[in-house]
């Protein structure tokens, strides 16, 4: 996860809610096969959008309390990707609807705003 910073309860507010750039948060878990299959493609997107979008990974198995707190806002099924801008969730992709193509479409929209 070279281009993704690891997110946790201690850095969530600063790294996501107070970020200057849009932030893509990858909610994942080590027992989620689709999550681990997508990781290399997410890292490639992080390289492609470096300087335009920050990329964060939240391991839900290690950060259950934060994941539960956030999932009260929106339904959380893994894999899940939320894009934040200005401290607000702009878009989400979860579960079976997640594809790299859809995710990149959302990133392009956020970057062009």
C-alpha atoms as a PDB file:
ATOM      1  CA  UNK A   1       0.000   0.000   0.000  1.00  0.00           C
ATOM      2  CA  UNK A   2       2.776   2.356  -0.956  1.00  0.00           C
ATOM      3  CA  UNK A   3       0.553   5.202  -2.225  1.00  0.00           C
ATOM      4  CA  UNK A   4      -2.245   4.703   0.299  1.00  0.00           C
ATOM      5  CA  UNK A   5      -1.951   5.951   3.826  1.00  0.00           C
ATOM      6  CA  UNK A   6      -3.370   3.752   6.547  1.00  0.00           C
ATOM      7  CA  UNK A   7      -6.417   5.271   8.151  1.00  0.00           C
ATOM      8  CA  UNK A   8      -7.474   4.821  11.776  1.00  0.00           C
ATOM      9  CA  UNK A   9      -9.496   6.582  14.488  1.00  0.00           C
ATOM     10  CA  UNK A  10      -6.526   8.769  15.411  1.00  0.00           C
ATOM     11  CA  UNK A  11      -5.952  10.255  11.960  1.00  0.00           C
ATOM     12  CA  UNK A  12      -9.405  10.056  10.310  1.00  0.00           C
ATOM     13  CA  UNK A  13     -10.481  13.621  11.095  1.00  0.00           C
ATOM     14  CA  UNK A  14      -7.206  15.240  10.045  1.00  0.00           C
ATOM     15  CA  UNK A  15      -6.451  13.068   7.010  1.00  0.00           C
ATOM     16  CA  UNK A  16      -9.989  12.853   5.610  1.00  0.00           C
ATOM     17  CA  UNK A  17     -12.312  15.513   6.998  1.00  0.00           C
ATOM     18  CA  UNK A  18      -9.708  18.313   7.049  1.00  0.00           C
ATOM     19  CA  UNK A  19      -7.839  17.319   3.877  1.00  0.00           C
ATOM     20  CA  UNK A  20      -7.101  19.957   1.263  1.00  0.00           C
ATOM     21  CA  UNK A  21      -7.478  17.477  -1.595  1.00  0.00           C
ATOM     22  CA  UNK A  22     -10.326  15.052  -2.251  1.00  0.00           C
ATOM     23  CA  UNK A  23      -9.774  11.735  -0.451  1.00  0.00           C
ATOM     24  CA  UNK A  24     -10.724   8.272  -1.645  1.00  0.00           C
ATOM     25  CA  UNK A  25     -11.186   5.935   1.322  1.00  0.00           C
ATOM     26  CA  UNK A  26     -10.868   2.215   0.607  1.00  0.00           C
ATOM     27  CA  UNK A  27     -12.769   0.277   3.277  1.00  0.00           C
ATOM     28  CA  UNK A  28     -11.403  -3.243   3.160  1.00  0.00           C
ATOM     29  CA  UNK A  29     -10.797  -6.368   5.182  1.00  0.00           C
ATOM     30  CA  UNK A  30      -8.216  -9.138   4.858  1.00  0.00           C
ATOM     31  CA  UNK A  31     -10.955 -11.781   4.544  1.00  0.00           C
ATOM     32  CA  UNK A  32     -12.648  -9.927   1.660  1.00  0.00           C
ATOM     33  CA  UNK A  33     -11.296 -11.543  -1.524  1.00  0.00           C
ATOM     34  CA  UNK A  34     -12.604  -8.799  -3.805  1.00  0.00           C
ATOM     35  CA  UNK A  35     -10.933  -6.205  -1.556  1.00  0.00           C
ATOM     36  CA  UNK A  36      -7.526  -7.831  -1.844  1.00  0.00           C
ATOM     37  CA  UNK A  37      -7.991  -8.467  -5.580  1.00  0.00           C
ATOM     38  CA  UNK A  38      -8.691  -4.751  -6.143  1.00  0.00           C
ATOM     39  CA  UNK A  39      -5.735  -3.500  -4.085  1.00  0.00           C
ATOM     40  CA  UNK A  40      -3.124  -3.481  -6.921  1.00  0.00           C
ATOM     41  CA  UNK A  41      -5.548  -1.557  -9.164  1.00  0.00           C
ATOM     42  CA  UNK A  42      -6.268   0.927  -6.367  1.00  0.00           C
ATOM     43  CA  UNK A  43      -2.533   1.459  -5.909  1.00  0.00           C
ATOM     44  CA  UNK A  44      -2.240   2.127  -9.669  1.00  0.00           C
ATOM     45  CA  UNK A  45      -5.031   4.711  -9.426  1.00  0.00           C
ATOM     46  CA  UNK A  46      -3.242   6.300  -6.466  1.00  0.00           C
ATOM     47  CA  UNK A  47      -0.143   6.746  -8.640  1.00  0.00           C
ATOM     48  CA  UNK A  48      -2.190   8.080 -11.562  1.00  0.00           C
ATOM     49  CA  UNK A  49      -4.016  10.651  -9.409  1.00  0.00           C
ATOM     50  CA  UNK A  50      -1.067  11.606  -7.191  1.00  0.00           C
ATOM     51  CA  UNK A  51      -1.243  15.286  -6.291  1.00  0.00           C
ATOM     52  CA  UNK A  52      -4.949  15.453  -7.231  1.00  0.00           C
ATOM     53  CA  UNK A  53      -6.554  12.936  -4.862  1.00  0.00           C
ATOM     54  CA  UNK A  54      -5.327  11.411  -1.608  1.00  0.00           C
ATOM     55  CA  UNK A  55      -5.862   7.671  -1.148  1.00  0.00           C
ATOM     56  CA  UNK A  56      -6.508   6.087   2.235  1.00  0.00           C
ATOM     57  CA  UNK A  57      -7.104   2.491   3.274  1.00  0.00           C
ATOM     58  CA  UNK A  58      -9.171   1.582   6.331  1.00  0.00           C
ATOM     59  CA  UNK A  59      -8.755  -2.021   7.464  1.00  0.00           C
ATOM     60  CA  UNK A  60     -12.197  -2.625   8.970  1.00  0.00           C
ATOM     61  CA  UNK A  61     -10.978  -5.669  10.908  1.00  0.00           C
ATOM     62  CA  UNK A  62      -8.464  -3.506  12.812  1.00  0.00           C
ATOM     63  CA  UNK A  63     -10.688  -0.432  13.064  1.00  0.00           C
ATOM     64  CA  UNK A  64     -14.116  -1.881  13.810  1.00  0.00           C
ATOM     65  CA  UNK A  65     -15.311   0.981  15.984  1.00  0.00           C
ATOM     66  CA  UNK A  66     -14.541   3.608  13.331  1.00  0.00           C
ATOM     67  CA  UNK A  67     -16.060   1.458  10.562  1.00  0.00           C
ATOM     68  CA  UNK A  68     -19.244   0.967  12.603  1.00  0.00           C
ATOM     69  CA  UNK A  69     -19.449   4.673  13.399  1.00  0.00           C
ATOM     70  CA  UNK A  70     -19.047   5.618   9.739  1.00  0.00           C
ATOM     71  CA  UNK A  71     -21.444   2.942   8.504  1.00  0.00           C
ATOM     72  CA  UNK A  72     -24.230   4.670  10.442  1.00  0.00           C
ATOM     73  CA  UNK A  73     -23.954   7.367   7.781  1.00  0.00           C
ATOM     74  CA  UNK A  74     -24.189   4.972   4.832  1.00  0.00           C
ATOM     75  CA  UNK A  75     -24.548   1.210   4.460  1.00  0.00           C
ATOM     76  CA  UNK A  76     -21.108  -0.380   4.474  1.00  0.00           C
ATOM     77  CA  UNK A  77     -20.575  -3.583   2.517  1.00  0.00           C
ATOM     78  CA  UNK A  78     -17.065  -4.533   1.536  1.00  0.00           C
ATOM     79  CA  UNK A  79     -15.427  -3.572  -0.625  1.00  0.00           C
ATOM     80  CA  UNK A  80     -16.487   0.014  -0.165  1.00  0.00           C
ATOM     81  CA  UNK A  81     -15.038   3.203  -1.567  1.00  0.00           C
ATOM     82  CA  UNK A  82     -16.089   6.644  -0.411  1.00  0.00           C
ATOM     83  CA  UNK A  83     -14.824   9.848  -1.960  1.00  0.00           C
ATOM     84  CA  UNK A  84     -14.688  12.839   0.366  1.00  0.00           C
ATOM     85  CA  UNK A  85     -14.215  16.470  -0.564  1.00  0.00           C
ATOM     86  CA  UNK A  86     -14.306  19.310   1.920  1.00  0.00           C
ATOM     87  CA  UNK A  87     -15.102  16.869   4.713  1.00  0.00           C
ATOM     88  CA  UNK A  88     -18.268  15.594   2.989  1.00  0.00           C
ATOM     89  CA  UNK A  89     -18.936  12.255   1.302  1.00  0.00           C
ATOM     90  CA  UNK A  90     -19.437  13.015  -2.394  1.00  0.00           C
ATOM     91  CA  UNK A  91     -19.879   9.505  -3.718  1.00  0.00           C
ATOM     92  CA  UNK A  92     -19.829   5.893  -2.658  1.00  0.00           C
ATOM     93  CA  UNK A  93     -19.438   2.504  -4.286  1.00  0.00           C
ATOM     94  CA  UNK A  94     -20.034  -0.641  -2.270  1.00  0.00           C
ATOM     95  CA  UNK A  95     -20.256  -4.388  -2.622  1.00  0.00           C
ATOM     96  CA  UNK A  96     -21.078  -5.815  -6.012  1.00  0.00           C
ATOM     97  CA  UNK A  97     -21.371  -2.402  -7.697  1.00  0.00           C
ATOM     98  CA  UNK A  98     -17.632  -1.793  -7.277  1.00  0.00           C
ATOM     99  CA  UNK A  99     -15.584  -1.852 -10.450  1.00  0.00           C
ATOM    100  CA  UNK A 100     -12.359  -0.038 -11.213  1.00  0.00           C
ATOM    101  CA  UNK A 101     -14.057   1.612 -14.186  1.00  0.00           C
ATOM    102  CA  UNK A 102     -16.861   3.057 -12.030  1.00  0.00           C
ATOM    103  CA  UNK A 103     -14.378   4.163  -9.412  1.00  0.00           C
ATOM    104  CA  UNK A 104     -12.237   5.956 -11.969  1.00  0.00           C
ATOM    105  CA  UNK A 105     -15.324   7.665 -13.426  1.00  0.00           C
ATOM    106  CA  UNK A 106     -16.079   9.059  -9.982  1.00  0.00           C
ATOM    107  CA  UNK A 107     -12.466  10.175  -9.524  1.00  0.00           C
ATOM    108  CA  UNK A 108     -12.502  11.984 -12.875  1.00  0.00           C
ATOM    109  CA  UNK A 109     -15.668  13.829 -11.875  1.00  0.00           C
ATOM    110  CA  UNK A 110     -14.167  14.937  -8.551  1.00  0.00           C
ATOM    111  CA  UNK A 111     -10.909  16.084 -10.159  1.00  0.00           C
ATOM    112  CA  UNK A 112     -12.701  18.070 -12.879  1.00  0.00           C
ATOM    113  CA  UNK A 113     -14.840  20.020 -10.358  1.00  0.00           C
END
